[in-house]
Amino acid sequence: MIEATVDIATADGSMETFSCAPERGGPYPAVLFLMDAHGIREELRDMARRLAPLPMVEELQDWFK
């Protein structure tokens, strides 16, 4: 599994994004993993990690930062 936290540039500044993907193959479609109002936290990262073996890229974005 490949995972990274990156900042994505938006019109209102940067948005922190946690990304998980399988180690091999690709390209894969992206799936937006929507969070609740408490922001990105370890429980949500764990949920994204559980999906990482599937042939897709999970993007967990912090919309409230």
N, C-alpha and C. Protein backbone atom coordinates (compact mmCIF):
# COMPACT_ATOMS: atom_id res chain seq x y z
N MET A 1 0.85 -1.17 0.00
CA MET A 1 0.00 0.00 0.00
C MET A 1 0.90 1.24 0.00
N ILE A 2 0.51 2.19 -0.81
CA ILE A 2 1.19 3.49 -0.84
C ILE A 2 0.26 4.49 -0.16
N GLU A 3 0.79 5.25 0.78
CA GLU A 3 -0.01 6.29 1.40
C GLU A 3 0.82 7.55 1.53
N ALA A 4 0.14 8.69 1.41
CA ALA A 4 0.83 9.99 1.50
C ALA A 4 -0.17 11.05 1.92
N THR A 5 0.33 12.07 2.57
CA THR A 5 -0.46 13.26 2.88
C THR A 5 0.10 14.39 2.05
N VAL A 6 -0.74 14.97 1.22
CA VAL A 6 -0.31 16.04 0.31
C VAL A 6 -1.24 17.24 0.45
N ASP A 7 -0.79 18.39 0.01
CA ASP A 7 -1.62 19.59 -0.05
C ASP A 7 -2.02 19.82 -1.49
N ILE A 8 -3.32 19.96 -1.73
CA ILE A 8 -3.84 20.23 -3.06
C ILE A 8 -4.20 21.70 -3.13
N ALA A 9 -3.72 22.38 -4.17
CA ALA A 9 -4.00 23.80 -4.35
C ALA A 9 -5.45 24.00 -4.78
N THR A 10 -6.14 24.93 -4.10
CA THR A 10 -7.51 25.30 -4.46
C THR A 10 -7.58 26.82 -4.60
N ALA A 11 -8.70 27.32 -5.04
CA ALA A 11 -8.88 28.77 -5.18
C ALA A 11 -8.82 29.47 -3.83
N ASP A 12 -9.13 28.76 -2.74
CA ASP A 12 -9.13 29.34 -1.40
C ASP A 12 -7.90 28.97 -0.57
N GLY A 13 -6.88 28.43 -1.19
CA GLY A 13 -5.69 28.00 -0.46
C GLY A 13 -5.45 26.52 -0.65
N SER A 14 -4.65 25.91 0.21
CA SER A 14 -4.36 24.49 0.06
C SER A 14 -5.29 23.64 0.92
N MET A 15 -5.51 22.40 0.45
CA MET A 15 -6.39 21.48 1.16
C MET A 15 -5.59 20.20 1.44
N GLU A 16 -5.46 19.87 2.74
CA GLU A 16 -4.76 18.65 3.12
C GLU A 16 -5.54 17.44 2.64
N THR A 17 -4.82 16.48 2.02
CA THR A 17 -5.44 15.28 1.48
C THR A 17 -4.60 14.07 1.84
N PHE A 18 -5.24 13.06 2.43
CA PHE A 18 -4.60 11.79 2.72
C PHE A 18 -4.97 10.84 1.60
N SER A 19 -3.99 10.20 0.99
CA SER A 19 -4.21 9.35 -0.17
C SER A 19 -3.67 7.95 0.09
N CYS A 20 -4.44 6.92 -0.32
CA CYS A 20 -4.02 5.52 -0.24
C CYS A 20 -4.25 4.87 -1.59
N ALA A 21 -3.31 3.98 -1.97
CA ALA A 21 -3.43 3.28 -3.25
C ALA A 21 -2.71 1.94 -3.17
N PRO A 22 -3.08 1.00 -4.05
CA PRO A 22 -2.34 -0.26 -4.12
C PRO A 22 -0.90 0.01 -4.56
N GLU A 23 0.00 -0.90 -4.20
CA GLU A 23 1.42 -0.70 -4.54
C GLU A 23 1.73 -0.91 -6.01
N ARG A 24 0.97 -1.74 -6.69
CA ARG A 24 1.30 -2.06 -8.08
C ARG A 24 0.11 -1.81 -8.99
N GLY A 25 0.44 -1.71 -10.27
CA GLY A 25 -0.59 -1.57 -11.29
C GLY A 25 -0.99 -0.13 -11.49
N GLY A 26 -2.17 0.05 -11.97
CA GLY A 26 -2.69 1.38 -12.21
C GLY A 26 -2.53 1.74 -13.67
N PRO A 27 -3.05 2.85 -14.08
CA PRO A 27 -3.68 3.86 -13.22
C PRO A 27 -5.03 3.37 -12.69
N TYR A 28 -5.40 3.94 -11.56
CA TYR A 28 -6.65 3.57 -10.91
C TYR A 28 -7.59 4.76 -10.84
N PRO A 29 -8.91 4.51 -10.80
CA PRO A 29 -9.84 5.62 -10.59
C PRO A 29 -9.72 6.14 -9.16
N ALA A 30 -10.01 7.40 -8.98
CA ALA A 30 -9.98 8.01 -7.64
C ALA A 30 -11.35 7.94 -7.01
N VAL A 31 -11.38 7.70 -5.71
CA VAL A 31 -12.62 7.68 -4.94
C VAL A 31 -12.46 8.71 -3.82
N LEU A 32 -13.38 9.67 -3.75
CA LEU A 32 -13.34 10.65 -2.67
C LEU A 32 -13.95 10.04 -1.43
N PHE A 33 -13.20 10.00 -0.35
CA PHE A 33 -13.64 9.47 0.93
C PHE A 33 -14.09 10.67 1.74
N LEU A 34 -15.39 10.85 1.92
CA LEU A 34 -15.92 12.04 2.59
C LEU A 34 -15.84 11.89 4.10
N MET A 35 -15.43 12.96 4.75
CA MET A 35 -15.28 12.97 6.20
C MET A 35 -16.47 13.67 6.85
N ASP A 36 -16.59 13.50 8.14
CA ASP A 36 -17.60 14.24 8.88
C ASP A 36 -17.00 15.57 9.37
N ALA A 37 -17.69 16.27 10.20
CA ALA A 37 -17.29 17.61 10.60
C ALA A 37 -16.11 17.67 11.56
N HIS A 38 -15.57 16.55 11.97
CA HIS A 38 -14.47 16.57 12.94
C HIS A 38 -13.10 16.61 12.29
N GLY A 39 -13.02 16.65 10.98
CA GLY A 39 -11.75 16.72 10.29
C GLY A 39 -11.10 15.35 10.12
N ILE A 40 -9.96 15.35 9.43
CA ILE A 40 -9.22 14.10 9.22
C ILE A 40 -8.65 13.65 10.56
N ARG A 41 -8.86 12.40 10.88
CA ARG A 41 -8.30 11.83 12.10
C ARG A 41 -7.93 10.38 11.82
N GLU A 42 -7.27 9.75 12.74
CA GLU A 42 -6.70 8.43 12.51
C GLU A 42 -7.76 7.39 12.16
N GLU A 43 -8.95 7.48 12.74
CA GLU A 43 -10.02 6.51 12.42
C GLU A 43 -10.37 6.55 10.94
N LEU A 44 -10.42 7.75 10.35
CA LEU A 44 -10.75 7.86 8.93
C LEU A 44 -9.59 7.39 8.06
N ARG A 45 -8.36 7.67 8.49
CA ARG A 45 -7.20 7.14 7.76
C ARG A 45 -7.24 5.61 7.76
N ASP A 46 -7.59 5.00 8.89
CA ASP A 46 -7.69 3.54 8.97
C ASP A 46 -8.76 3.00 8.02
N MET A 47 -9.88 3.69 7.91
CA MET A 47 -10.93 3.26 6.97
C MET A 47 -10.43 3.31 5.54
N ALA A 48 -9.72 4.38 5.18
CA ALA A 48 -9.15 4.49 3.83
C ALA A 48 -8.12 3.39 3.60
N ARG A 49 -7.32 3.08 4.60
CA ARG A 49 -6.31 2.02 4.47
C ARG A 49 -6.95 0.65 4.22
N ARG A 50 -8.12 0.42 4.81
CA ARG A 50 -8.79 -0.87 4.61
C ARG A 50 -9.23 -1.04 3.17
N LEU A 51 -9.51 0.07 2.47
CA LEU A 51 -9.92 0.00 1.06
C LEU A 51 -8.73 -0.03 0.10
N ALA A 52 -7.54 0.26 0.59
CA ALA A 52 -6.37 0.41 -0.27
C ALA A 52 -6.04 -0.83 -1.12
N PRO A 53 -6.27 -2.06 -0.68
CA PRO A 53 -5.98 -3.21 -1.55
C PRO A 53 -6.89 -3.29 -2.79
N LEU A 54 -8.00 -2.58 -2.80
CA LEU A 54 -8.90 -2.59 -3.95
C LEU A 54 -8.29 -1.75 -5.07
N PRO A 55 -8.66 -2.01 -6.32
CA PRO A 55 -8.06 -1.28 -7.44
C PRO A 55 -8.63 0.13 -7.60
N MET A 56 -8.32 0.98 -6.65
CA MET A 56 -8.73 2.39 -6.69
C MET A 56 -7.83 3.20 -5.76
N VAL A 57 -7.85 4.51 -5.94
CA VAL A 57 -7.09 5.42 -5.07
C VAL A 57 -8.09 6.12 -4.17
N GLU A 58 -7.89 6.05 -2.87
CA GLU A 58 -8.78 6.71 -1.92
C GLU A 58 -8.20 8.08 -1.58
N GLU A 59 -9.01 9.10 -1.67
CA GLU A 59 -8.61 10.47 -1.35
C GLU A 59 -9.47 10.98 -0.19
N LEU A 60 -8.86 11.20 0.94
CA LEU A 60 -9.54 11.72 2.13
C LEU A 60 -9.14 13.18 2.27
N GLN A 61 -10.04 14.08 1.98
CA GLN A 61 -9.73 15.51 1.96
C GLN A 61 -10.29 16.22 3.18
N ASP A 62 -9.51 17.16 3.71
CA ASP A 62 -9.96 17.96 4.86
C ASP A 62 -10.62 19.23 4.34
N TRP A 63 -11.93 19.21 4.24
CA TRP A 63 -12.68 20.32 3.67
C TRP A 63 -12.84 21.49 4.62
N PHE A 64 -12.54 21.31 5.90
CA PHE A 64 -12.81 22.34 6.88
C PHE A 64 -11.56 23.06 7.38
N LYS A 65 -10.42 22.80 6.82
CA LYS A 65 -9.19 23.44 7.26
C LYS A 65 -8.92 24.70 6.48
